[in-house]
């Protein structure tokens, strides 16, 4: 796989910025559905009881490591 000129594939800051952009787009796209959802922030029963919750390493780092670290 050829590298894109000027792009560092290990640039975590750029990857976290992209991930945050994806999250913002997701939140905008699902806002209408979330208004009618039974679950609220902090509830994970259906997500963990009836299915699986997966995340990428980048998502784990995003949750674990503060931006100013």
C-alpha atoms as a PDB file:
ATOM      1  CA  UNK A   1       0.000   0.000   0.000  1.00  0.00           C
ATOM      2  CA  UNK A   2       1.504   3.286  -1.088  1.00  0.00           C
ATOM      3  CA  UNK A   3       1.650   6.150   1.396  1.00  0.00           C
ATOM      4  CA  UNK A   4      -0.067   9.419   0.534  1.00  0.00           C
ATOM      5  CA  UNK A   5       2.487  12.226   0.242  1.00  0.00           C
ATOM      6  CA  UNK A   6       2.582  14.336   3.398  1.00  0.00           C
ATOM      7  CA  UNK A   7       0.303  11.996   5.353  1.00  0.00           C
ATOM      8  CA  UNK A   8       1.671  10.260   8.433  1.00  0.00           C
ATOM      9  CA  UNK A   9      -0.427   7.111   8.908  1.00  0.00           C
ATOM     10  CA  UNK A  10       0.422   7.115  12.624  1.00  0.00           C
ATOM     11  CA  UNK A  11      -0.685  10.724  13.280  1.00  0.00           C
ATOM     12  CA  UNK A  12      -3.067  10.048  16.165  1.00  0.00           C
ATOM     13  CA  UNK A  13      -4.092  13.700  16.460  1.00  0.00           C
ATOM     14  CA  UNK A  14      -5.290  13.792  12.844  1.00  0.00           C
ATOM     15  CA  UNK A  15      -7.028  10.440  13.266  1.00  0.00           C
ATOM     16  CA  UNK A  16      -8.814  11.635  16.418  1.00  0.00           C
ATOM     17  CA  UNK A  17      -9.904  14.779  14.573  1.00  0.00           C
ATOM     18  CA  UNK A  18     -11.325  12.630  11.777  1.00  0.00           C
ATOM     19  CA  UNK A  19     -13.031  10.356  14.305  1.00  0.00           C
ATOM     20  CA  UNK A  20     -14.644  13.340  16.037  1.00  0.00           C
ATOM     21  CA  UNK A  21     -15.916  14.498  12.638  1.00  0.00           C
ATOM     22  CA  UNK A  22     -17.469  11.065  12.081  1.00  0.00           C
ATOM     23  CA  UNK A  23     -19.077  11.206  15.539  1.00  0.00           C
ATOM     24  CA  UNK A  24     -20.540  14.677  14.857  1.00  0.00           C
ATOM     25  CA  UNK A  25     -21.989  13.490  11.538  1.00  0.00           C
ATOM     26  CA  UNK A  26     -23.412  10.379  13.209  1.00  0.00           C
ATOM     27  CA  UNK A  27     -25.049  12.414  15.991  1.00  0.00           C
ATOM     28  CA  UNK A  28     -26.626  14.733  13.422  1.00  0.00           C
ATOM     29  CA  UNK A  29     -27.901  11.788  11.357  1.00  0.00           C
ATOM     30  CA  UNK A  30     -29.447   9.889  14.294  1.00  0.00           C
ATOM     31  CA  UNK A  31     -30.776  12.830  16.333  1.00  0.00           C
ATOM     32  CA  UNK A  32     -34.380  12.230  15.235  1.00  0.00           C
ATOM     33  CA  UNK A  33     -34.209   8.530  16.125  1.00  0.00           C
ATOM     34  CA  UNK A  34     -32.590   9.205  19.507  1.00  0.00           C
ATOM     35  CA  UNK A  35     -35.451  11.488  20.546  1.00  0.00           C
ATOM     36  CA  UNK A  36     -37.817   8.520  20.401  1.00  0.00           C
ATOM     37  CA  UNK A  37     -35.460   5.952  21.915  1.00  0.00           C
ATOM     38  CA  UNK A  38     -36.272   4.261  25.208  1.00  0.00           C
ATOM     39  CA  UNK A  39     -32.645   4.279  26.321  1.00  0.00           C
ATOM     40  CA  UNK A  40     -30.869   7.393  27.524  1.00  0.00           C
ATOM     41  CA  UNK A  41     -27.260   8.313  28.180  1.00  0.00           C
ATOM     42  CA  UNK A  42     -25.673   5.732  30.475  1.00  0.00           C
ATOM     43  CA  UNK A  43     -28.043   2.919  29.528  1.00  0.00           C
ATOM     44  CA  UNK A  44     -26.386   0.033  27.724  1.00  0.00           C
ATOM     45  CA  UNK A  45     -28.732  -2.855  28.455  1.00  0.00           C
ATOM     46  CA  UNK A  46     -29.982  -3.615  24.931  1.00  0.00           C
ATOM     47  CA  UNK A  47     -26.624  -2.864  23.322  1.00  0.00           C
ATOM     48  CA  UNK A  48     -24.803  -5.315  25.553  1.00  0.00           C
ATOM     49  CA  UNK A  49     -27.534  -7.853  26.333  1.00  0.00           C
ATOM     50  CA  UNK A  50     -28.889  -8.357  22.808  1.00  0.00           C
ATOM     51  CA  UNK A  51     -25.783  -7.600  20.791  1.00  0.00           C
ATOM     52  CA  UNK A  52     -22.132  -6.803  20.984  1.00  0.00           C
ATOM     53  CA  UNK A  53     -20.408  -3.482  21.325  1.00  0.00           C
ATOM     54  CA  UNK A  54     -17.227  -3.267  19.298  1.00  0.00           C
ATOM     55  CA  UNK A  55     -14.715  -0.482  19.027  1.00  0.00           C
ATOM     56  CA  UNK A  56     -11.484   0.170  17.226  1.00  0.00           C
ATOM     57  CA  UNK A  57      -8.198   0.858  18.974  1.00  0.00           C
ATOM     58  CA  UNK A  58      -8.521   4.502  17.924  1.00  0.00           C
ATOM     59  CA  UNK A  59     -11.957   4.752  19.553  1.00  0.00           C
ATOM     60  CA  UNK A  60     -10.550   3.226  22.740  1.00  0.00           C
ATOM     61  CA  UNK A  61      -7.723   5.758  22.756  1.00  0.00           C
ATOM     62  CA  UNK A  62     -10.212   8.539  22.128  1.00  0.00           C
ATOM     63  CA  UNK A  63     -12.144   7.499  25.234  1.00  0.00           C
ATOM     64  CA  UNK A  64      -9.100   6.749  27.379  1.00  0.00           C
ATOM     65  CA  UNK A  65      -6.501   9.446  26.608  1.00  0.00           C
ATOM     66  CA  UNK A  66      -7.298  13.129  27.198  1.00  0.00           C
ATOM     67  CA  UNK A  67      -6.603  15.451  24.243  1.00  0.00           C
ATOM     68  CA  UNK A  68      -4.037  17.407  26.244  1.00  0.00           C
ATOM     69  CA  UNK A  69      -2.003  14.312  27.196  1.00  0.00           C
END
